[in-house]
Amino acid sequence: AALHLAIKSGHMQCVSLLLERNCDPN
């Protein structure tokens, strides 16, 4: 999913934004 890809690519601003928009961290 998008969150996995942001993490794999090292884009922490995208990780933070996805979590802020209630993306499931699990």
PDB file of all heavy atoms in Angstrom:
ATOM      1  N   ALA A   1       0.849  -1.191   0.000  1.00  0.00           N
ATOM      2  CA  ALA A   1       0.000   0.000   0.000  1.00  0.00           C
ATOM      3  C   ALA A   1       0.884   1.239   0.000  1.00  0.00           C
ATOM      4  O   ALA A   1       2.107   1.162   0.106  1.00  0.00           O
ATOM      5  CB  ALA A   1      -0.916  -0.021   1.223  1.00  0.00           C
ATOM      6  N   ALA A   2       0.268   2.406  -0.098  1.00  0.00           N
ATOM      7  CA  ALA A   2       1.018   3.658  -0.205  1.00  0.00           C
ATOM      8  C   ALA A   2       1.971   3.866   0.969  1.00  0.00           C
ATOM      9  O   ALA A   2       3.106   4.323   0.784  1.00  0.00           O
ATOM     10  CB  ALA A   2       0.042   4.828  -0.307  1.00  0.00           C
ATOM     11  N   LEU A   3       1.535   3.534   2.187  1.00  0.00           N
ATOM     12  CA  LEU A   3       2.379   3.747   3.360  1.00  0.00           C
ATOM     13  C   LEU A   3       3.629   2.878   3.311  1.00  0.00           C
ATOM     14  O   LEU A   3       4.727   3.330   3.650  1.00  0.00           O
ATOM     15  CB  LEU A   3       1.580   3.481   4.640  1.00  0.00           C
ATOM     16  CG  LEU A   3       2.288   3.774   5.962  1.00  0.00           C
ATOM     17  CD1 LEU A   3       2.803   5.212   6.008  1.00  0.00           C
ATOM     18  CD2 LEU A   3       1.344   3.513   7.132  1.00  0.00           C
ATOM     19  N   HIS A   4       3.494   1.635   2.887  1.00  0.00           N
ATOM     20  CA  HIS A   4       4.669   0.767   2.749  1.00  0.00           C
ATOM     21  C   HIS A   4       5.667   1.359   1.759  1.00  0.00           C
ATOM     22  O   HIS A   4       6.882   1.348   1.993  1.00  0.00           O
ATOM     23  CB  HIS A   4       4.256  -0.629   2.248  1.00  0.00           C
ATOM     24  CG  HIS A   4       3.313  -1.351   3.145  1.00  0.00           C
ATOM     25  ND1 HIS A   4       2.033  -1.654   2.756  1.00  0.00           N
ATOM     26  CD2 HIS A   4       3.454  -1.823   4.406  1.00  0.00           C
ATOM     27  CE1 HIS A   4       1.420  -2.300   3.736  1.00  0.00           C
ATOM     28  NE2 HIS A   4       2.257  -2.409   4.755  1.00  0.00           N
ATOM     29  N   LEU A   5       5.168   1.882   0.653  1.00  0.00           N
ATOM     30  CA  LEU A   5       6.038   2.411  -0.402  1.00  0.00           C
ATOM     31  C   LEU A   5       6.753   3.678   0.048  1.00  0.00           C
ATOM     32  O   LEU A   5       7.931   3.883  -0.265  1.00  0.00           O
ATOM     33  CB  LEU A   5       5.220   2.670  -1.665  1.00  0.00           C
ATOM     34  CG  LEU A   5       4.657   1.401  -2.318  1.00  0.00           C
ATOM     35  CD1 LEU A   5       3.571   1.755  -3.322  1.00  0.00           C
ATOM     36  CD2 LEU A   5       5.766   0.604  -2.985  1.00  0.00           C
ATOM     37  N   ALA A   6       6.060   4.539   0.784  1.00  0.00           N
ATOM     38  CA  ALA A   6       6.695   5.750   1.302  1.00  0.00           C
ATOM     39  C   ALA A   6       7.823   5.394   2.267  1.00  0.00           C
ATOM     40  O   ALA A   6       8.894   6.008   2.244  1.00  0.00           O
ATOM     41  CB  ALA A   6       5.656   6.629   1.998  1.00  0.00           C
ATOM     42  N   ILE A   7       7.599   4.385   3.084  1.00  0.00           N
ATOM     43  CA  ILE A   7       8.621   3.954   4.042  1.00  0.00           C
ATOM     44  C   ILE A   7       9.805   3.323   3.320  1.00  0.00           C
ATOM     45  O   ILE A   7      10.966   3.657   3.594  1.00  0.00           O
ATOM     46  CB  ILE A   7       8.011   2.959   5.047  1.00  0.00           C
ATOM     47  CG1 ILE A   7       7.021   3.678   5.966  1.00  0.00           C
ATOM     48  CG2 ILE A   7       9.112   2.283   5.870  1.00  0.00           C
ATOM     49  CD1 ILE A   7       6.159   2.751   6.769  1.00  0.00           C
ATOM     50  N   LYS A   8       9.533   2.428   2.393  1.00  0.00           N
ATOM     51  CA  LYS A   8      10.613   1.766   1.651  1.00  0.00           C
ATOM     52  C   LYS A   8      11.498   2.764   0.926  1.00  0.00           C
ATOM     53  O   LYS A   8      12.713   2.580   0.830  1.00  0.00           O
ATOM     54  CB  LYS A   8      10.026   0.780   0.637  1.00  0.00           C
ATOM     55  CG  LYS A   8       9.592  -0.545   1.206  1.00  0.00           C
ATOM     56  CD  LYS A   8       9.006  -1.432   0.127  1.00  0.00           C
ATOM     57  CE  LYS A   8       9.991  -1.755  -0.966  1.00  0.00           C
ATOM     58  NZ  LYS A   8       9.428  -2.674  -1.970  1.00  0.00           N
ATOM     59  N   SER A   9      10.893   3.820   0.420  1.00  0.00           N
ATOM     60  CA  SER A   9      11.627   4.807  -0.359  1.00  0.00           C
ATOM     61  C   SER A   9      12.279   5.878   0.514  1.00  0.00           C
ATOM     62  O   SER A   9      13.016   6.722   0.006  1.00  0.00           O
ATOM     63  CB  SER A   9      10.690   5.468  -1.378  1.00  0.00           C
ATOM     64  OG  SER A   9      10.110   4.502  -2.229  1.00  0.00           O
ATOM     65  N   GLY A  10      11.976   5.851   1.802  1.00  0.00           N
ATOM     66  CA  GLY A  10      12.603   6.803   2.717  1.00  0.00           C
ATOM     67  C   GLY A  10      12.026   8.199   2.678  1.00  0.00           C
ATOM     68  O   GLY A  10      12.713   9.158   3.038  1.00  0.00           O
ATOM     69  N   HIS A  11      10.752   8.333   2.303  1.00  0.00           N
ATOM     70  CA  HIS A  11      10.131   9.653   2.198  1.00  0.00           C
ATOM     71  C   HIS A  11       9.290   9.920   3.447  1.00  0.00           C
ATOM     72  O   HIS A  11       8.086   9.650   3.481  1.00  0.00           O
ATOM     73  CB  HIS A  11       9.295   9.754   0.934  1.00  0.00           C
ATOM     74  CG  HIS A  11      10.099   9.595  -0.315  1.00  0.00           C
ATOM     75  ND1 HIS A  11      11.197  10.371  -0.590  1.00  0.00           N
ATOM     76  CD2 HIS A  11       9.983   8.726  -1.358  1.00  0.00           C
ATOM     77  CE1 HIS A  11      11.733  10.007  -1.744  1.00  0.00           C
ATOM     78  NE2 HIS A  11      11.010   9.014  -2.227  1.00  0.00           N
ATOM     79  N   MET A  12       9.946  10.446   4.475  1.00  0.00           N
ATOM     80  CA  MET A  12       9.309  10.573   5.774  1.00  0.00           C
ATOM     81  C   MET A  12       8.204  11.623   5.800  1.00  0.00           C
ATOM     82  O   MET A  12       7.268  11.525   6.587  1.00  0.00           O
ATOM     83  CB  MET A  12      10.357  10.887   6.834  1.00  0.00           C
ATOM     84  CG  MET A  12      11.389   9.776   7.002  1.00  0.00           C
ATOM     85  SD  MET A  12      10.639   8.148   7.312  1.00  0.00           S
ATOM     86  CE  MET A  12      11.051   7.273   5.801  1.00  0.00           C
ATOM     87  N   GLN A  13       8.291  12.651   4.947  1.00  0.00           N
ATOM     88  CA  GLN A  13       7.207  13.631   4.892  1.00  0.00           C
ATOM     89  C   GLN A  13       5.922  12.988   4.393  1.00  0.00           C
ATOM     90  O   GLN A  13       4.826  13.322   4.860  1.00  0.00           O
ATOM     91  CB  GLN A  13       7.600  14.807   3.997  1.00  0.00           C
ATOM     92  CG  GLN A  13       8.648  15.721   4.608  1.00  0.00           C
ATOM     93  CD  GLN A  13       8.975  16.896   3.707  1.00  0.00           C
ATOM     94  OE1 GLN A  13       9.167  16.742   2.504  1.00  0.00           O
ATOM     95  NE2 GLN A  13       9.036  18.083   4.279  1.00  0.00           N
ATOM     96  N   CYS A  14       6.072  12.056   3.443  1.00  0.00           N
ATOM     97  CA  CYS A  14       4.893  11.336   2.946  1.00  0.00           C
ATOM     98  C   CYS A  14       4.346  10.389   4.011  1.00  0.00           C
ATOM     99  O   CYS A  14       3.129  10.243   4.153  1.00  0.00           O
ATOM    100  CB  CYS A  14       5.251  10.561   1.678  1.00  0.00           C
ATOM    101  SG  CYS A  14       5.590  11.615   0.248  1.00  0.00           S
ATOM    102  N   VAL A  15       5.248   9.741   4.751  1.00  0.00           N
ATOM    103  CA  VAL A  15       4.811   8.874   5.856  1.00  0.00           C
ATOM    104  C   VAL A  15       4.007   9.684   6.856  1.00  0.00           C
ATOM    105  O   VAL A  15       2.905   9.293   7.270  1.00  0.00           O
ATOM    106  CB  VAL A  15       6.024   8.220   6.553  1.00  0.00           C
ATOM    107  CG1 VAL A  15       5.579   7.461   7.803  1.00  0.00           C
ATOM    108  CG2 VAL A  15       6.742   7.280   5.598  1.00  0.00           C
ATOM    109  N   SER A  16       4.544  10.837   7.241  1.00  0.00           N
ATOM    110  CA  SER A  16       3.864  11.687   8.221  1.00  0.00           C
ATOM    111  C   SER A  16       2.502  12.148   7.713  1.00  0.00           C
ATOM    112  O   SER A  16       1.509  12.120   8.453  1.00  0.00           O
ATOM    113  CB  SER A  16       4.747  12.903   8.528  1.00  0.00           C
ATOM    114  OG  SER A  16       4.108  13.769   9.443  1.00  0.00           O
ATOM    115  N   LEU A  17       2.432  12.547   6.443  1.00  0.00           N
ATOM    116  CA  LEU A  17       1.174  13.025   5.874  1.00  0.00           C
ATOM    117  C   LEU A  17       0.132  11.910   5.830  1.00  0.00           C
ATOM    118  O   LEU A  17      -1.044  12.125   6.173  1.00  0.00           O
ATOM    119  CB  LEU A  17       1.408  13.581   4.470  1.00  0.00           C
ATOM    120  CG  LEU A  17       0.181  14.115   3.735  1.00  0.00           C
ATOM    121  CD1 LEU A  17      -0.514  15.193   4.546  1.00  0.00           C
ATOM    122  CD2 LEU A  17       0.577  14.638   2.359  1.00  0.00           C
ATOM    123  N   LEU A  18       0.538  10.722   5.429  1.00  0.00           N
ATOM    124  CA  LEU A  18      -0.399   9.596   5.379  1.00  0.00           C
ATOM    125  C   LEU A  18      -0.945   9.279   6.769  1.00  0.00           C
ATOM    126  O   LEU A  18      -2.154   9.025   6.924  1.00  0.00           O
ATOM    127  CB  LEU A  18       0.283   8.371   4.779  1.00  0.00           C
ATOM    128  CG  LEU A  18       0.501   8.413   3.261  1.00  0.00           C
ATOM    129  CD1 LEU A  18       1.523   7.369   2.835  1.00  0.00           C
ATOM    130  CD2 LEU A  18      -0.819   8.199   2.524  1.00  0.00           C
ATOM    131  N   LEU A  19      -0.089   9.311   7.765  1.00  0.00           N
ATOM    132  CA  LEU A  19      -0.556   9.049   9.129  1.00  0.00           C
ATOM    133  C   LEU A  19      -1.479  10.162   9.623  1.00  0.00           C
ATOM    134  O   LEU A  19      -2.483   9.891  10.286  1.00  0.00           O
ATOM    135  CB  LEU A  19       0.640   8.885  10.066  1.00  0.00           C
ATOM    136  CG  LEU A  19       1.492   7.633   9.853  1.00  0.00           C
ATOM    137  CD1 LEU A  19       2.723   7.661  10.742  1.00  0.00           C
ATOM    138  CD2 LEU A  19       0.683   6.359  10.115  1.00  0.00           C
ATOM    139  N   GLU A  20      -1.157  11.405   9.270  1.00  0.00           N
ATOM    140  CA  GLU A  20      -2.016  12.534   9.647  1.00  0.00           C
ATOM    141  C   GLU A  20      -3.405  12.411   9.024  1.00  0.00           C
ATOM    142  O   GLU A  20      -4.395  12.855   9.620  1.00  0.00           O
ATOM    143  CB  GLU A  20      -1.379  13.847   9.198  1.00  0.00           C
ATOM    144  CG  GLU A  20      -0.170  14.276  10.011  1.00  0.00           C
ATOM    145  CD  GLU A  20       0.487  15.510   9.430  1.00  0.00           C
ATOM    146  OE1 GLU A  20      -0.079  16.082   8.469  1.00  0.00           O
ATOM    147  OE2 GLU A  20       1.565  15.889   9.907  1.00  0.00           O
ATOM    148  N   ARG A  21      -3.466  11.815   7.824  1.00  0.00           N
ATOM    149  CA  ARG A  21      -4.748  11.661   7.121  1.00  0.00           C
ATOM    150  C   ARG A  21      -5.417  10.332   7.461  1.00  0.00           C
ATOM    151  O   ARG A  21      -6.251   9.830   6.720  1.00  0.00           O
ATOM    152  CB  ARG A  21      -4.519  11.756   5.613  1.00  0.00           C
ATOM    153  CG  ARG A  21      -3.938  13.092   5.161  1.00  0.00           C
ATOM    154  CD  ARG A  21      -4.836  14.278   5.471  1.00  0.00           C
ATOM    155  NE  ARG A  21      -4.248  15.525   5.038  1.00  0.00           N
ATOM    156  CZ  ARG A  21      -4.388  16.038   3.824  1.00  0.00           C
ATOM    157  NH1 ARG A  21      -5.122  15.415   2.919  1.00  0.00           N
ATOM    158  NH2 ARG A  21      -3.806  17.179   3.513  1.00  0.00           N
ATOM    159  N   ASN A  22      -5.019   9.762   8.601  1.00  0.00           N
ATOM    160  CA  ASN A  22      -5.674   8.568   9.156  1.00  0.00           C
ATOM    161  C   ASN A  22      -5.440   7.291   8.365  1.00  0.00           C
ATOM    162  O   ASN A  22      -6.266   6.369   8.394  1.00  0.00           O
ATOM    163  CB  ASN A  22      -7.182   8.811   9.328  1.00  0.00           C
ATOM    164  CG  ASN A  22      -7.483   9.931  10.304  1.00  0.00           C
ATOM    165  OD1 ASN A  22      -6.861  10.022  11.361  1.00  0.00           O
ATOM    166  ND2 ASN A  22      -8.425  10.791   9.950  1.00  0.00           N
ATOM    167  N   CYS A  23      -4.317   7.229   7.659  1.00  0.00           N
ATOM    168  CA  CYS A  23      -3.931   5.960   7.047  1.00  0.00           C
ATOM    169  C   CYS A  23      -3.671   4.948   8.156  1.00  0.00           C
ATOM    170  O   CYS A  23      -3.024   5.264   9.162  1.00  0.00           O
ATOM    171  CB  CYS A  23      -2.661   6.162   6.211  1.00  0.00           C
ATOM    172  SG  CYS A  23      -2.012   4.660   5.485  1.00  0.00           S
ATOM    173  N   ASP A  24      -4.158   3.742   7.991  1.00  0.00           N
ATOM    174  CA  ASP A  24      -4.014   2.707   9.014  1.00  0.00           C
ATOM    175  C   ASP A  24      -2.539   2.340   9.189  1.00  0.00           C
ATOM    176  O   ASP A  24      -1.915   1.806   8.267  1.00  0.00           O
ATOM    177  CB  ASP A  24      -4.814   1.475   8.601  1.00  0.00           C
ATOM    178  CG  ASP A  24      -4.799   0.381   9.664  1.00  0.00           C
ATOM    179  OD1 ASP A  24      -4.185   0.573  10.728  1.00  0.00           O
ATOM    180  OD2 ASP A  24      -5.396  -0.684   9.408  1.00  0.00           O
ATOM    181  N   PRO A  25      -1.947   2.570  10.367  1.00  0.00           N
ATOM    182  CA  PRO A  25      -0.542   2.224  10.577  1.00  0.00           C
ATOM    183  C   PRO A  25      -0.306   0.730  10.686  1.00  0.00           C
ATOM    184  O   PRO A  25       0.849   0.287  10.754  1.00  0.00           O
ATOM    185  CB  PRO A  25      -0.201   2.938  11.888  1.00  0.00           C
ATOM    186  CG  PRO A  25      -1.499   2.990  12.616  1.00  0.00           C
ATOM    187  CD  PRO A  25      -2.549   3.201  11.546  1.00  0.00           C
ATOM    188  N   ASN A  26      -1.389  -0.035  10.695  1.00  0.00           N
ATOM    189  CA  ASN A  26      -1.278  -1.494  10.798  1.00  0.00           C
ATOM    190  C   ASN A  26      -1.581  -2.203   9.484  1.00  0.00           C
ATOM    191  O   ASN A  26      -1.669  -3.431   9.454  1.00  0.00           O
ATOM    192  CB  ASN A  26      -2.240  -2.015  11.879  1.00  0.00           C
ATOM    193  CG  ASN A  26      -2.023  -1.348  13.220  1.00  0.00           C
ATOM    194  OD1 ASN A  26      -0.919  -1.345  13.743  1.00  0.00           O
ATOM    195  ND2 ASN A  26      -3.074  -0.758  13.784  1.00  0.00           N
TER     196      ASN A  26
END
